[in-house]
Structure formats: structure tokens, C-alpha cells
């Protein structure tokens, strides 16, 4: 019995020694690893992501085809560029920028077939578009108190004077002052009187034409559909006068060049007459005889 008990005690002590030894060995291993630990930094080669040749510009554009620098230098990129024209052509890429530039007034340079409207021209075009929606009718009345027609009864010269008045140019005052200062250019014998009348004469088609001949930029009166400079020569808000009876200048009628054209690129005209009954946008530039074509205010005399 004592022998068995002693044997059991020795076995128990043996297990304790083994466990203690394992703990000591684990502690020694941890200490060794900690004391010998060194930080290892892996550094990638600088050339790993460097291309041996320039990155093709065409790949910067979505859905474009690759054009190698060799092809570009050899001048054989035309066929490849055609395949991406629909989405990546310079015209499409710049379209939005050019539109913004025009709206903010930044497009100030003129080139062949292109121009930028001045702020005054834009204002006049907007006014003309508004008049097309008005209920103004053709007819003549005299307004001694206002000069300008306060009612919706206008003649062709009223369209011109009212659009200019709303753009900051009072033709009633301007024409009267010019007539007084330059009587030789405004023959009053056709009126069978010696002195001008402010509230009447500025609405007279003959005196209006005389004023613009003296103070506006006078332009070509013959529209040539084949002229590459038509877009510059015939601009929206230009003033035109048509002749219907060479022996009677009082039968002339005036109007404005519209911002729109017919299918052949000929500008439409915004005017009022007995024929149309109200302010209308008509295709008459080549049908009627133009005897006056002016841009007012004169862009070369603006301060």
C-alpha cells in the first residue's frame, strides 16, 4: 500500500516537472523572439509603374481608340481618329465651352463666318422676339404728348424706334437734334415747312433713313447667298429699309434682320406692314428691294 502511494506521488511530481519545463521553454522562446525581432520594410522598385513610352493622349478619352506615338509621328492616325470622332472630336468637346463663352460675353473675337453679338445687339434681338408675340397691329396715329405710340397701333418705323428706345437710344430726341444741327441733310420742303417737329419727324421713314446714313454703320444692300462673309455683313438687329416706289420715298418700309434664317441661310426680316397686319417674321430679304442697311449704334464709334 505504501509502495503504491509513493509511486503515485512520483508520477504526479513528474507531470508537474514536465508542465513547468514546457512553460519555461515557451517563456524562453518568447523572450528570444522579442529580443531578436527586427522591422522589415519591403520597398517596391521606383520603375515598377513607369511606362517606357509616353501615355497616349487618346486613352484619356472614354471609348477612344489607342494611337501609338509612332503612328502619330508617322502621320497615319487619321483612320484611327475617325473611329472616335462621334464622342471625342474637338468640336464636340469644345461645344459646351463655346456656348458658355457666348452666354457670358467672353466670345469677343471675330473670324471668317463667325461673330459675337454685342450686348446691345443681344438686347435688341430679345426685344424683337418679344414683339413677335405681341398683339400690335398696323396703323398710323399721331401722339403729340408722347411721340412714341402708347397704343398697339404701329407703323414700320415705330418698330425701329421702339426697339432702340428700349435699348437705350431715344430716336425722337436724337433725330430732332440731328435735324436741327444739320438742316442741309434733312430737306424740309418735302414736308412744306421750314422746321422739324420732334414728335412727328422721327417716325418719318425718309428722316429715319437720313439719320442712319449720317450716324450708323452703313452696310451692303445686296445680299449675296454665296458670300462667305454674310454672317458678319448681315447680323441680327441690323436695320433695313425696303423700297416699293422709287418716285415716293414715303412708301419705303423698315425692319430688322432676324436672328433666324430660311432653309437656304437667308436671314428673315422682322417688320410690320399693311400686308402682314402685325409684327411678323418674314422671308422677304431677296424679294423686296433693299435701299438701306445699317447697324446702330455704330460699333466703331462706341465708347
C-alpha atoms as a PDB file:
ATOM      1  CA  UNK A   1       0.000   0.000   0.000  1.00  0.00           C
ATOM      2  CA  UNK A   2       2.758   2.446   0.904  1.00  0.00           C
ATOM      3  CA  UNK A   3       4.638   1.419  -2.160  1.00  0.00           C
ATOM      4  CA  UNK A   4       1.652   2.210  -4.409  1.00  0.00           C
ATOM      5  CA  UNK A   5       1.160   5.585  -2.740  1.00  0.00           C
ATOM      6  CA  UNK A   6       4.802   6.533  -3.242  1.00  0.00           C
ATOM      7  CA  UNK A   7       4.587   5.525  -6.908  1.00  0.00           C
ATOM      8  CA  UNK A   8       1.526   7.772  -7.399  1.00  0.00           C
ATOM      9  CA  UNK A   9       3.305  10.717  -5.798  1.00  0.00           C
ATOM     10  CA  UNK A  10       6.339  10.315  -8.073  1.00  0.00           C
ATOM     11  CA  UNK A  11       4.093  10.252 -11.168  1.00  0.00           C
ATOM     12  CA  UNK A  12       2.313  13.396 -10.030  1.00  0.00           C
ATOM     13  CA  UNK A  13       5.591  15.178  -9.471  1.00  0.00           C
ATOM     14  CA  UNK A  14       6.809  14.044 -12.878  1.00  0.00           C
ATOM     15  CA  UNK A  15       3.793  15.669 -14.608  1.00  0.00           C
ATOM     16  CA  UNK A  16       4.392  18.900 -12.713  1.00  0.00           C
ATOM     17  CA  UNK A  17       8.026  18.949 -13.792  1.00  0.00           C
ATOM     18  CA  UNK A  18       7.023  18.428 -17.444  1.00  0.00           C
ATOM     19  CA  UNK A  19       4.426  21.225 -17.329  1.00  0.00           C
ATOM     20  CA  UNK A  20       6.857  23.600 -15.612  1.00  0.00           C
ATOM     21  CA  UNK A  21       9.533  22.748 -18.176  1.00  0.00           C
ATOM     22  CA  UNK A  22       7.124  23.490 -21.062  1.00  0.00           C
ATOM     23  CA  UNK A  23       6.225  26.863 -19.523  1.00  0.00           C
ATOM     24  CA  UNK A  24       9.904  27.711 -19.062  1.00  0.00           C
ATOM     25  CA  UNK A  25      10.680  26.751 -22.679  1.00  0.00           C
ATOM     26  CA  UNK A  26       7.741  28.842 -24.008  1.00  0.00           C
ATOM     27  CA  UNK A  27       8.851  31.844 -21.966  1.00  0.00           C
ATOM     28  CA  UNK A  28      12.416  31.449 -23.222  1.00  0.00           C
ATOM     29  CA  UNK A  29      11.156  31.221 -26.840  1.00  0.00           C
ATOM     30  CA  UNK A  30       9.030  34.376 -26.474  1.00  0.00           C
ATOM     31  CA  UNK A  31      11.924  36.250 -24.932  1.00  0.00           C
ATOM     32  CA  UNK A  32      14.230  35.089 -27.699  1.00  0.00           C
ATOM     33  CA  UNK A  33      11.839  36.137 -30.468  1.00  0.00           C
ATOM     34  CA  UNK A  34      11.245  39.528 -28.870  1.00  0.00           C
ATOM     35  CA  UNK A  35      14.955  40.208 -28.337  1.00  0.00           C
ATOM     36  CA  UNK A  36      15.823  39.180 -31.886  1.00  0.00           C
ATOM     37  CA  UNK A  37      12.844  40.963 -33.659  1.00  0.00           C
ATOM     38  CA  UNK A  38      13.778  43.417 -36.413  1.00  0.00           C
ATOM     39  CA  UNK A  39      11.409  45.558 -38.508  1.00  0.00           C
ATOM     40  CA  UNK A  40      11.471  44.524 -42.147  1.00  0.00           C
ATOM     41  CA  UNK A  41      10.397  47.134 -44.779  1.00  0.00           C
ATOM     42  CA  UNK A  42       9.654  45.950 -48.281  1.00  0.00           C
ATOM     43  CA  UNK A  43      10.415  48.733 -50.792  1.00  0.00           C
ATOM     44  CA  UNK A  44       8.995  48.415 -54.305  1.00  0.00           C
ATOM     45  CA  UNK A  45      11.226  49.440 -57.225  1.00  0.00           C
ATOM     46  CA  UNK A  46      10.586  53.006 -58.399  1.00  0.00           C
ATOM     47  CA  UNK A  47      10.487  51.842 -62.026  1.00  0.00           C
ATOM     48  CA  UNK A  48       7.754  49.262 -61.361  1.00  0.00           C
ATOM     49  CA  UNK A  49       4.883  51.552 -62.530  1.00  0.00           C
ATOM     50  CA  UNK A  50       6.807  53.632 -65.057  1.00  0.00           C
ATOM     51  CA  UNK A  51       5.950  53.270 -68.736  1.00  0.00           C
ATOM     52  CA  UNK A  52       8.919  53.165 -71.115  1.00  0.00           C
ATOM     53  CA  UNK A  53       6.952  55.391 -73.570  1.00  0.00           C
ATOM     54  CA  UNK A  54       4.536  58.375 -73.230  1.00  0.00           C
ATOM     55  CA  UNK A  55       0.954  57.614 -72.252  1.00  0.00           C
ATOM     56  CA  UNK A  56      -1.275  58.036 -75.360  1.00  0.00           C
ATOM     57  CA  UNK A  57      -3.471  61.128 -75.158  1.00  0.00           C
ATOM     58  CA  UNK A  58      -6.306  59.252 -76.848  1.00  0.00           C
ATOM     59  CA  UNK A  59      -6.565  56.936 -73.856  1.00  0.00           C
ATOM     60  CA  UNK A  60      -7.511  59.882 -71.687  1.00  0.00           C
ATOM     61  CA  UNK A  61     -10.841  59.996 -73.528  1.00  0.00           C
ATOM     62  CA  UNK A  62     -13.539  57.448 -72.802  1.00  0.00           C
ATOM     63  CA  UNK A  63     -14.337  54.991 -75.588  1.00  0.00           C
ATOM     64  CA  UNK A  64     -11.428  56.131 -77.732  1.00  0.00           C
ATOM     65  CA  UNK A  65      -9.009  54.025 -79.729  1.00  0.00           C
ATOM     66  CA  UNK A  66      -5.347  53.703 -78.899  1.00  0.00           C
ATOM     67  CA  UNK A  67      -2.972  55.688 -81.092  1.00  0.00           C
ATOM     68  CA  UNK A  68       0.686  54.901 -80.562  1.00  0.00           C
ATOM     69  CA  UNK A  69       3.278  57.694 -80.531  1.00  0.00           C
ATOM     70  CA  UNK A  70       4.940  56.058 -83.546  1.00  0.00           C
ATOM     71  CA  UNK A  71       1.712  56.209 -85.552  1.00  0.00           C
ATOM     72  CA  UNK A  72       1.118  59.790 -84.514  1.00  0.00           C
ATOM     73  CA  UNK A  73       4.613  60.846 -85.545  1.00  0.00           C
ATOM     74  CA  UNK A  74       4.290  58.978 -88.845  1.00  0.00           C
ATOM     75  CA  UNK A  75       1.077  60.866 -89.622  1.00  0.00           C
ATOM     76  CA  UNK A  76      -1.131  57.774 -90.052  1.00  0.00           C
ATOM     77  CA  UNK A  77      -3.622  58.483 -87.258  1.00  0.00           C
ATOM     78  CA  UNK A  78      -6.433  59.768 -89.470  1.00  0.00           C
ATOM     79  CA  UNK A  79      -8.219  56.425 -89.773  1.00  0.00           C
ATOM     80  CA  UNK A  80      -7.995  55.743 -86.057  1.00  0.00           C
ATOM     81  CA  UNK A  81      -9.192  59.207 -85.143  1.00  0.00           C
ATOM     82  CA  UNK A  82     -12.265  58.839 -87.358  1.00  0.00           C
ATOM     83  CA  UNK A  83     -13.421  55.904 -85.231  1.00  0.00           C
ATOM     84  CA  UNK A  84     -13.666  58.108 -82.140  1.00  0.00           C
ATOM     85  CA  UNK A  85     -14.939  61.302 -83.784  1.00  0.00           C
ATOM     86  CA  UNK A  86     -18.516  60.856 -82.556  1.00  0.00           C
ATOM     87  CA  UNK A  87     -17.535  61.086 -78.903  1.00  0.00           C
ATOM     88  CA  UNK A  88     -14.099  62.641 -78.721  1.00  0.00           C
ATOM     89  CA  UNK A  89     -13.871  65.114 -81.632  1.00  0.00           C
ATOM     90  CA  UNK A  90     -12.640  68.627 -80.748  1.00  0.00           C
ATOM     91  CA  UNK A  91     -15.928  70.098 -81.962  1.00  0.00           C
ATOM     92  CA  UNK A  92     -17.959  68.017 -79.507  1.00  0.00           C
ATOM     93  CA  UNK A  93     -15.513  68.516 -76.655  1.00  0.00           C
ATOM     94  CA  UNK A  94     -15.462  72.325 -77.129  1.00  0.00           C
ATOM     95  CA  UNK A  95     -19.176  72.786 -77.876  1.00  0.00           C
ATOM     96  CA  UNK A  96     -20.203  73.354 -74.257  1.00  0.00           C
ATOM     97  CA  UNK A  97     -17.291  75.693 -73.591  1.00  0.00           C
ATOM     98  CA  UNK A  98     -18.071  77.787 -76.656  1.00  0.00           C
ATOM     99  CA  UNK A  99     -21.763  78.043 -75.683  1.00  0.00           C
ATOM    100  CA  UNK A 100     -20.840  79.196 -72.177  1.00  0.00           C
ATOM    101  CA  UNK A 101     -18.398  81.708 -73.581  1.00  0.00           C
ATOM    102  CA  UNK A 102     -21.085  83.263 -75.745  1.00  0.00           C
ATOM    103  CA  UNK A 103     -23.625  83.472 -72.860  1.00  0.00           C
ATOM    104  CA  UNK A 104     -21.116  85.158 -70.576  1.00  0.00           C
ATOM    105  CA  UNK A 105     -19.913  87.552 -73.246  1.00  0.00           C
ATOM    106  CA  UNK A 106     -16.416  86.089 -73.403  1.00  0.00           C
ATOM    107  CA  UNK A 107     -16.516  85.247 -77.117  1.00  0.00           C
ATOM    108  CA  UNK A 108     -15.317  88.610 -78.393  1.00  0.00           C
ATOM    109  CA  UNK A 109     -13.231  87.703 -81.412  1.00  0.00           C
ATOM    110  CA  UNK A 110     -14.448  87.564 -84.978  1.00  0.00           C
ATOM    111  CA  UNK A 111     -13.208  85.096 -87.575  1.00  0.00           C
ATOM    112  CA  UNK A 112     -14.301  84.001 -91.024  1.00  0.00           C
ATOM    113  CA  UNK A 113     -18.037  83.308 -90.957  1.00  0.00           C
ATOM    114  CA  UNK A 114     -18.248  83.828 -87.196  1.00  0.00           C
ATOM    115  CA  UNK A 115     -19.087  86.766 -84.950  1.00  0.00           C
ATOM    116  CA  UNK A 116     -20.173  87.589 -81.442  1.00  0.00           C
ATOM    117  CA  UNK A 117     -23.171  89.852 -80.844  1.00  0.00           C
ATOM    118  CA  UNK A 118     -22.622  92.886 -78.667  1.00  0.00           C
ATOM    119  CA  UNK A 119     -24.705  93.370 -75.534  1.00  0.00           C
ATOM    120  CA  UNK A 120     -26.820  95.994 -77.328  1.00  0.00           C
ATOM    121  CA  UNK A 121     -27.466  93.631 -80.230  1.00  0.00           C
ATOM    122  CA  UNK A 122     -28.493  90.854 -77.839  1.00  0.00           C
ATOM    123  CA  UNK A 123     -30.891  93.216 -76.067  1.00  0.00           C
ATOM    124  CA  UNK A 124     -32.447  94.252 -79.369  1.00  0.00           C
ATOM    125  CA  UNK A 125     -32.855  90.653 -80.536  1.00  0.00           C
ATOM    126  CA  UNK A 126     -34.618  89.717 -77.295  1.00  0.00           C
ATOM    127  CA  UNK A 127     -36.950  92.704 -77.663  1.00  0.00           C
ATOM    128  CA  UNK A 128     -37.747  91.701 -81.258  1.00  0.00           C
ATOM    129  CA  UNK A 129     -38.574  88.154 -80.189  1.00  0.00           C
ATOM    130  CA  UNK A 130     -40.956  89.571 -77.580  1.00  0.00           C
ATOM    131  CA  UNK A 131     -42.658  91.798 -80.167  1.00  0.00           C
ATOM    132  CA  UNK A 132     -43.437  88.776 -82.333  1.00  0.00           C
ATOM    133  CA  UNK A 133     -45.670  87.541 -79.523  1.00  0.00           C
ATOM    134  CA  UNK A 134     -47.434  90.901 -79.093  1.00  0.00           C
ATOM    135  CA  UNK A 135     -50.844  91.939 -80.410  1.00  0.00           C
ATOM    136  CA  UNK A 136     -49.574  95.116 -82.109  1.00  0.00           C
ATOM    137  CA  UNK A 137     -51.464  95.959 -85.306  1.00  0.00           C
ATOM    138  CA  UNK A 138     -50.534  98.021 -88.348  1.00  0.00           C
ATOM    139  CA  UNK A 139     -51.870 101.582 -88.425  1.00  0.00           C
ATOM    140  CA  UNK A 140     -50.856 105.226 -88.080  1.00  0.00           C
ATOM    141  CA  UNK A 141     -51.830 107.718 -85.412  1.00  0.00           C
ATOM    142  CA  UNK A 142     -50.144 110.913 -84.188  1.00  0.00           C
ATOM    143  CA  UNK A 143     -49.236 111.198 -80.488  1.00  0.00           C
ATOM    144  CA  UNK A 144     -48.368 114.873 -79.705  1.00  0.00           C
ATOM    145  CA  UNK A 145     -47.831 114.188 -76.000  1.00  0.00           C
ATOM    146  CA  UNK A 146     -45.601 111.122 -76.136  1.00  0.00           C
ATOM    147  CA  UNK A 147     -44.316 110.966 -79.700  1.00  0.00           C
ATOM    148  CA  UNK A 148     -43.930 107.234 -79.290  1.00  0.00           C
ATOM    149  CA  UNK A 149     -47.097 105.173 -79.793  1.00  0.00           C
ATOM    150  CA  UNK A 150     -48.602 104.337 -76.390  1.00  0.00           C
ATOM    151  CA  UNK A 151     -51.187 102.102 -78.038  1.00  0.00           C
ATOM    152  CA  UNK A 152     -50.836  98.880 -80.025  1.00  0.00           C
ATOM    153  CA  UNK A 153     -51.163 100.680 -83.381  1.00  0.00           C
ATOM    154  CA  UNK A 154     -47.760 100.952 -85.081  1.00  0.00           C
ATOM    155  CA  UNK A 155     -46.138 101.599 -88.458  1.00  0.00           C
ATOM    156  CA  UNK A 156     -42.823 100.113 -89.616  1.00  0.00           C
ATOM    157  CA  UNK A 157     -40.693 102.972 -88.279  1.00  0.00           C
ATOM    158  CA  UNK A 158     -42.307 102.546 -84.852  1.00  0.00           C
ATOM    159  CA  UNK A 159     -40.866  99.039 -84.622  1.00  0.00           C
ATOM    160  CA  UNK A 160     -37.401 100.505 -85.184  1.00  0.00           C
ATOM    161  CA  UNK A 161     -37.777 103.445 -82.820  1.00  0.00           C
ATOM    162  CA  UNK A 162     -39.398 101.415 -80.021  1.00  0.00           C
ATOM    163  CA  UNK A 163     -36.767  98.666 -80.106  1.00  0.00           C
ATOM    164  CA  UNK A 164     -33.993 101.252 -79.998  1.00  0.00           C
ATOM    165  CA  UNK A 165     -35.746 103.178 -77.222  1.00  0.00           C
ATOM    166  CA  UNK A 166     -35.942 100.045 -75.083  1.00  0.00           C
ATOM    167  CA  UNK A 167     -32.224  99.515 -75.773  1.00  0.00           C
ATOM    168  CA  UNK A 168     -31.305 102.999 -74.533  1.00  0.00           C
ATOM    169  CA  UNK A 169     -31.456 105.088 -77.723  1.00  0.00           C
ATOM    170  CA  UNK A 170     -34.180 107.746 -77.878  1.00  0.00           C
ATOM    171  CA  UNK A 171     -34.653 108.301 -81.611  1.00  0.00           C
ATOM    172  CA  UNK A 172     -37.181 111.069 -81.038  1.00  0.00           C
ATOM    173  CA  UNK A 173     -34.543 113.204 -79.319  1.00  0.00           C
ATOM    174  CA  UNK A 174     -31.598 112.016 -81.411  1.00  0.00           C
ATOM    175  CA  UNK A 175     -33.227 112.641 -84.790  1.00  0.00           C
ATOM    176  CA  UNK A 176     -34.627 116.017 -83.753  1.00  0.00           C
ATOM    177  CA  UNK A 177     -31.220 117.190 -82.507  1.00  0.00           C
ATOM    178  CA  UNK A 178     -29.540 115.958 -85.692  1.00  0.00           C
ATOM    179  CA  UNK A 179     -32.147 117.640 -87.886  1.00  0.00           C
ATOM    180  CA  UNK A 180     -31.672 120.971 -86.107  1.00  0.00           C
ATOM    181  CA  UNK A 181     -27.877 120.753 -86.328  1.00  0.00           C
ATOM    182  CA  UNK A 182     -27.721 119.530 -89.933  1.00  0.00           C
ATOM    183  CA  UNK A 183     -30.687 121.034 -91.769  1.00  0.00           C
ATOM    184  CA  UNK A 184     -28.987 120.593 -95.126  1.00  0.00           C
ATOM    185  CA  UNK A 185     -29.268 116.790 -94.795  1.00  0.00           C
ATOM    186  CA  UNK A 186     -32.964 116.909 -93.902  1.00  0.00           C
ATOM    187  CA  UNK A 187     -34.796 118.815 -96.668  1.00  0.00           C
ATOM    188  CA  UNK A 188     -37.970 120.126 -95.095  1.00  0.00           C
ATOM    189  CA  UNK A 189     -39.526 121.185 -98.395  1.00  0.00           C
ATOM    190  CA  UNK A 190     -40.935 117.704 -98.787  1.00  0.00           C
ATOM    191  CA  UNK A 191     -42.957 118.494 -95.676  1.00  0.00           C
ATOM    192  CA  UNK A 192     -43.811 122.006 -96.926  1.00  0.00           C
ATOM    193  CA  UNK A 193     -42.429 123.556 -93.742  1.00  0.00           C
ATOM    194  CA  UNK A 194     -39.169 125.033 -92.543  1.00  0.00           C
ATOM    195  CA  UNK A 195     -38.636 123.499 -89.103  1.00  0.00           C
ATOM    196  CA  UNK A 196     -38.738 119.932 -87.807  1.00  0.00           C
ATOM    197  CA  UNK A 197     -41.397 118.717 -85.420  1.00  0.00           C
ATOM    198  CA  UNK A 198     -39.925 116.469 -82.764  1.00  0.00           C
ATOM    199  CA  UNK A 199     -42.880 114.182 -82.077  1.00  0.00           C
ATOM    200  CA  UNK A 200     -43.627 113.565 -85.788  1.00  0.00           C
ATOM    201  CA  UNK A 201     -40.413 113.539 -87.839  1.00  0.00           C
ATOM    202  CA  UNK A 202     -38.592 110.702 -86.061  1.00  0.00           C
ATOM    203  CA  UNK A 203     -41.372 108.363 -87.237  1.00  0.00           C
ATOM    204  CA  UNK A 204     -40.985 109.511 -90.838  1.00  0.00           C
ATOM    205  CA  UNK A 205     -39.283 106.775 -92.890  1.00  0.00           C
ATOM    206  CA  UNK A 206     -37.339 109.291 -95.021  1.00  0.00           C
ATOM    207  CA  UNK A 207     -35.917 111.141 -91.999  1.00  0.00           C
ATOM    208  CA  UNK A 208     -35.093 107.885 -90.239  1.00  0.00           C
ATOM    209  CA  UNK A 209     -33.079 106.737 -93.239  1.00  0.00           C
ATOM    210  CA  UNK A 210     -31.274 110.094 -93.385  1.00  0.00           C
ATOM    211  CA  UNK A 211     -30.379 109.840 -89.688  1.00  0.00           C
ATOM    212  CA  UNK A 212     -28.898 106.361 -90.033  1.00  0.00           C
ATOM    213  CA  UNK A 213     -26.963 107.367 -93.161  1.00  0.00           C
ATOM    214  CA  UNK A 214     -25.328 110.055 -91.052  1.00  0.00           C
ATOM    215  CA  UNK A 215     -24.865 108.198 -87.763  1.00  0.00           C
ATOM    216  CA  UNK A 216     -24.923 104.429 -88.274  1.00  0.00           C
ATOM    217  CA  UNK A 217     -22.581 101.941 -89.901  1.00  0.00           C
ATOM    218  CA  UNK A 218     -23.811 101.718 -93.495  1.00  0.00           C
ATOM    219  CA  UNK A 219     -23.577  98.200 -94.946  1.00  0.00           C
ATOM    220  CA  UNK A 220     -24.089  96.344 -98.210  1.00  0.00           C
ATOM    221  CA  UNK A 221     -27.655  96.494 -99.560  1.00  0.00           C
ATOM    222  CA  UNK A 222     -27.300  93.439-101.793  1.00  0.00           C
ATOM    223  CA  UNK A 223     -27.487  90.070-100.078  1.00  0.00           C
ATOM    224  CA  UNK A 224     -25.374  87.536-101.931  1.00  0.00           C
ATOM    225  CA  UNK A 225     -26.173  83.959-100.833  1.00  0.00           C
ATOM    226  CA  UNK A 226     -22.693  82.816-101.935  1.00  0.00           C
ATOM    227  CA  UNK A 227     -20.803  85.426 -99.912  1.00  0.00           C
ATOM    228  CA  UNK A 228     -18.811  83.676 -97.186  1.00  0.00           C
ATOM    229  CA  UNK A 229     -18.950  86.851 -95.070  1.00  0.00           C
ATOM    230  CA  UNK A 230     -22.751  87.053 -94.910  1.00  0.00           C
ATOM    231  CA  UNK A 231     -22.828  86.090 -91.236  1.00  0.00           C
ATOM    232  CA  UNK A 232     -20.752  89.175 -90.461  1.00  0.00           C
ATOM    233  CA  UNK A 233     -22.286  91.510 -93.051  1.00  0.00           C
ATOM    234  CA  UNK A 234     -25.898  90.670 -92.133  1.00  0.00           C
ATOM    235  CA  UNK A 235     -26.212  90.407 -88.359  1.00  0.00           C
ATOM    236  CA  UNK A 236     -29.315  90.076 -86.175  1.00  0.00           C
ATOM    237  CA  UNK A 237     -30.721  93.520 -85.197  1.00  0.00           C
ATOM    238  CA  UNK A 238     -29.337  95.211 -88.348  1.00  0.00           C
ATOM    239  CA  UNK A 239     -31.837  97.772 -89.668  1.00  0.00           C
ATOM    240  CA  UNK A 240     -33.042  97.504 -93.270  1.00  0.00           C
ATOM    241  CA  UNK A 241     -35.282  99.670 -95.454  1.00  0.00           C
ATOM    242  CA  UNK A 242     -37.210  98.428 -98.485  1.00  0.00           C
ATOM    243  CA  UNK A 243     -38.282 100.479-101.482  1.00  0.00           C
ATOM    244  CA  UNK A 244     -41.668  99.896-103.128  1.00  0.00           C
ATOM    245  CA  UNK A 245     -41.987 103.072-105.229  1.00  0.00           C
ATOM    246  CA  UNK A 246     -38.817 104.815-106.482  1.00  0.00           C
ATOM    247  CA  UNK A 247     -40.797 108.023-107.014  1.00  0.00           C
ATOM    248  CA  UNK A 248     -42.220 108.106-103.500  1.00  0.00           C
ATOM    249  CA  UNK A 249     -39.753 107.600-100.618  1.00  0.00           C
ATOM    250  CA  UNK A 250     -42.669 107.682 -98.187  1.00  0.00           C
ATOM    251  CA  UNK A 251     -43.658 104.238 -99.392  1.00  0.00           C
ATOM    252  CA  UNK A 252     -40.409 102.782 -98.043  1.00  0.00           C
ATOM    253  CA  UNK A 253     -40.696 100.458 -95.058  1.00  0.00           C
ATOM    254  CA  UNK A 254     -38.184  99.485 -92.417  1.00  0.00           C
ATOM    255  CA  UNK A 255     -37.490  96.416 -90.326  1.00  0.00           C
ATOM    256  CA  UNK A 256     -34.821  94.380 -88.577  1.00  0.00           C
ATOM    257  CA  UNK A 257     -32.708  91.415 -89.603  1.00  0.00           C
ATOM    258  CA  UNK A 258     -33.837  88.462 -87.510  1.00  0.00           C
ATOM    259  CA  UNK A 259     -31.627  86.004 -85.671  1.00  0.00           C
ATOM    260  CA  UNK A 260     -33.192  83.224 -87.778  1.00  0.00           C
ATOM    261  CA  UNK A 261     -32.785  82.286 -91.430  1.00  0.00           C
ATOM    262  CA  UNK A 262     -34.700  80.316 -94.042  1.00  0.00           C
ATOM    263  CA  UNK A 263     -33.594  76.858 -95.185  1.00  0.00           C
ATOM    264  CA  UNK A 264     -31.089  78.420 -97.587  1.00  0.00           C
ATOM    265  CA  UNK A 265     -29.394  80.546 -94.926  1.00  0.00           C
ATOM    266  CA  UNK A 266     -31.036  83.829 -95.966  1.00  0.00           C
ATOM    267  CA  UNK A 267     -31.897  85.943 -92.895  1.00  0.00           C
ATOM    268  CA  UNK A 268     -35.553  86.552 -92.128  1.00  0.00           C
ATOM    269  CA  UNK A 269     -36.852  90.083 -91.512  1.00  0.00           C
ATOM    270  CA  UNK A 270     -38.944  91.289 -88.567  1.00  0.00           C
ATOM    271  CA  UNK A 271     -41.275  94.139 -89.572  1.00  0.00           C
ATOM    272  CA  UNK A 272     -44.859  95.342 -89.683  1.00  0.00           C
ATOM    273  CA  UNK A 273     -46.850  96.395 -92.735  1.00  0.00           C
ATOM    274  CA  UNK A 274     -50.387  96.593 -94.052  1.00  0.00           C
ATOM    275  CA  UNK A 275     -49.715  93.357 -95.934  1.00  0.00           C
ATOM    276  CA  UNK A 276     -48.934  91.386 -92.747  1.00  0.00           C
ATOM    277  CA  UNK A 277     -51.254  93.292 -90.416  1.00  0.00           C
ATOM    278  CA  UNK A 278     -48.998  92.773 -87.382  1.00  0.00           C
ATOM    279  CA  UNK A 279     -45.323  92.445 -86.449  1.00  0.00           C
ATOM    280  CA  UNK A 280     -44.140  89.388 -88.357  1.00  0.00           C
ATOM    281  CA  UNK A 281     -41.002  87.435 -89.167  1.00  0.00           C
ATOM    282  CA  UNK A 282     -40.966  87.143 -92.957  1.00  0.00           C
ATOM    283  CA  UNK A 283     -38.791  85.755 -95.731  1.00  0.00           C
ATOM    284  CA  UNK A 284     -38.568  88.909 -97.856  1.00  0.00           C
ATOM    285  CA  UNK A 285     -34.893  89.897 -97.946  1.00  0.00           C
ATOM    286  CA  UNK A 286     -34.413  88.688-101.515  1.00  0.00           C
ATOM    287  CA  UNK A 287     -37.938  89.547-102.661  1.00  0.00           C
ATOM    288  CA  UNK A 288     -38.032  93.211-101.638  1.00  0.00           C
ATOM    289  CA  UNK A 289     -35.585  95.842-102.903  1.00  0.00           C
ATOM    290  CA  UNK A 290     -33.240  96.893-100.096  1.00  0.00           C
ATOM    291  CA  UNK A 291     -32.312 100.584-100.212  1.00  0.00           C
ATOM    292  CA  UNK A 292     -30.786 100.905 -96.753  1.00  0.00           C
ATOM    293  CA  UNK A 293     -28.862  98.571 -94.466  1.00  0.00           C
ATOM    294  CA  UNK A 294     -27.493  99.939 -91.183  1.00  0.00           C
ATOM    295  CA  UNK A 295     -26.001  98.825 -87.879  1.00  0.00           C
ATOM    296  CA  UNK A 296     -26.859 101.117 -84.998  1.00  0.00           C
ATOM    297  CA  UNK A 297     -25.248 102.108 -82.775  1.00  0.00           C
ATOM    298  CA  UNK A 298     -22.160 102.183 -84.965  1.00  0.00           C
ATOM    299  CA  UNK A 299     -19.815  99.599 -83.359  1.00  0.00           C
ATOM    300  CA  UNK A 300     -16.785 101.620 -84.458  1.00  0.00           C
ATOM    301  CA  UNK A 301     -17.972 104.755 -82.692  1.00  0.00           C
ATOM    302  CA  UNK A 302     -18.989 103.205 -79.363  1.00  0.00           C
ATOM    303  CA  UNK A 303     -17.034 104.455 -76.375  1.00  0.00           C
END
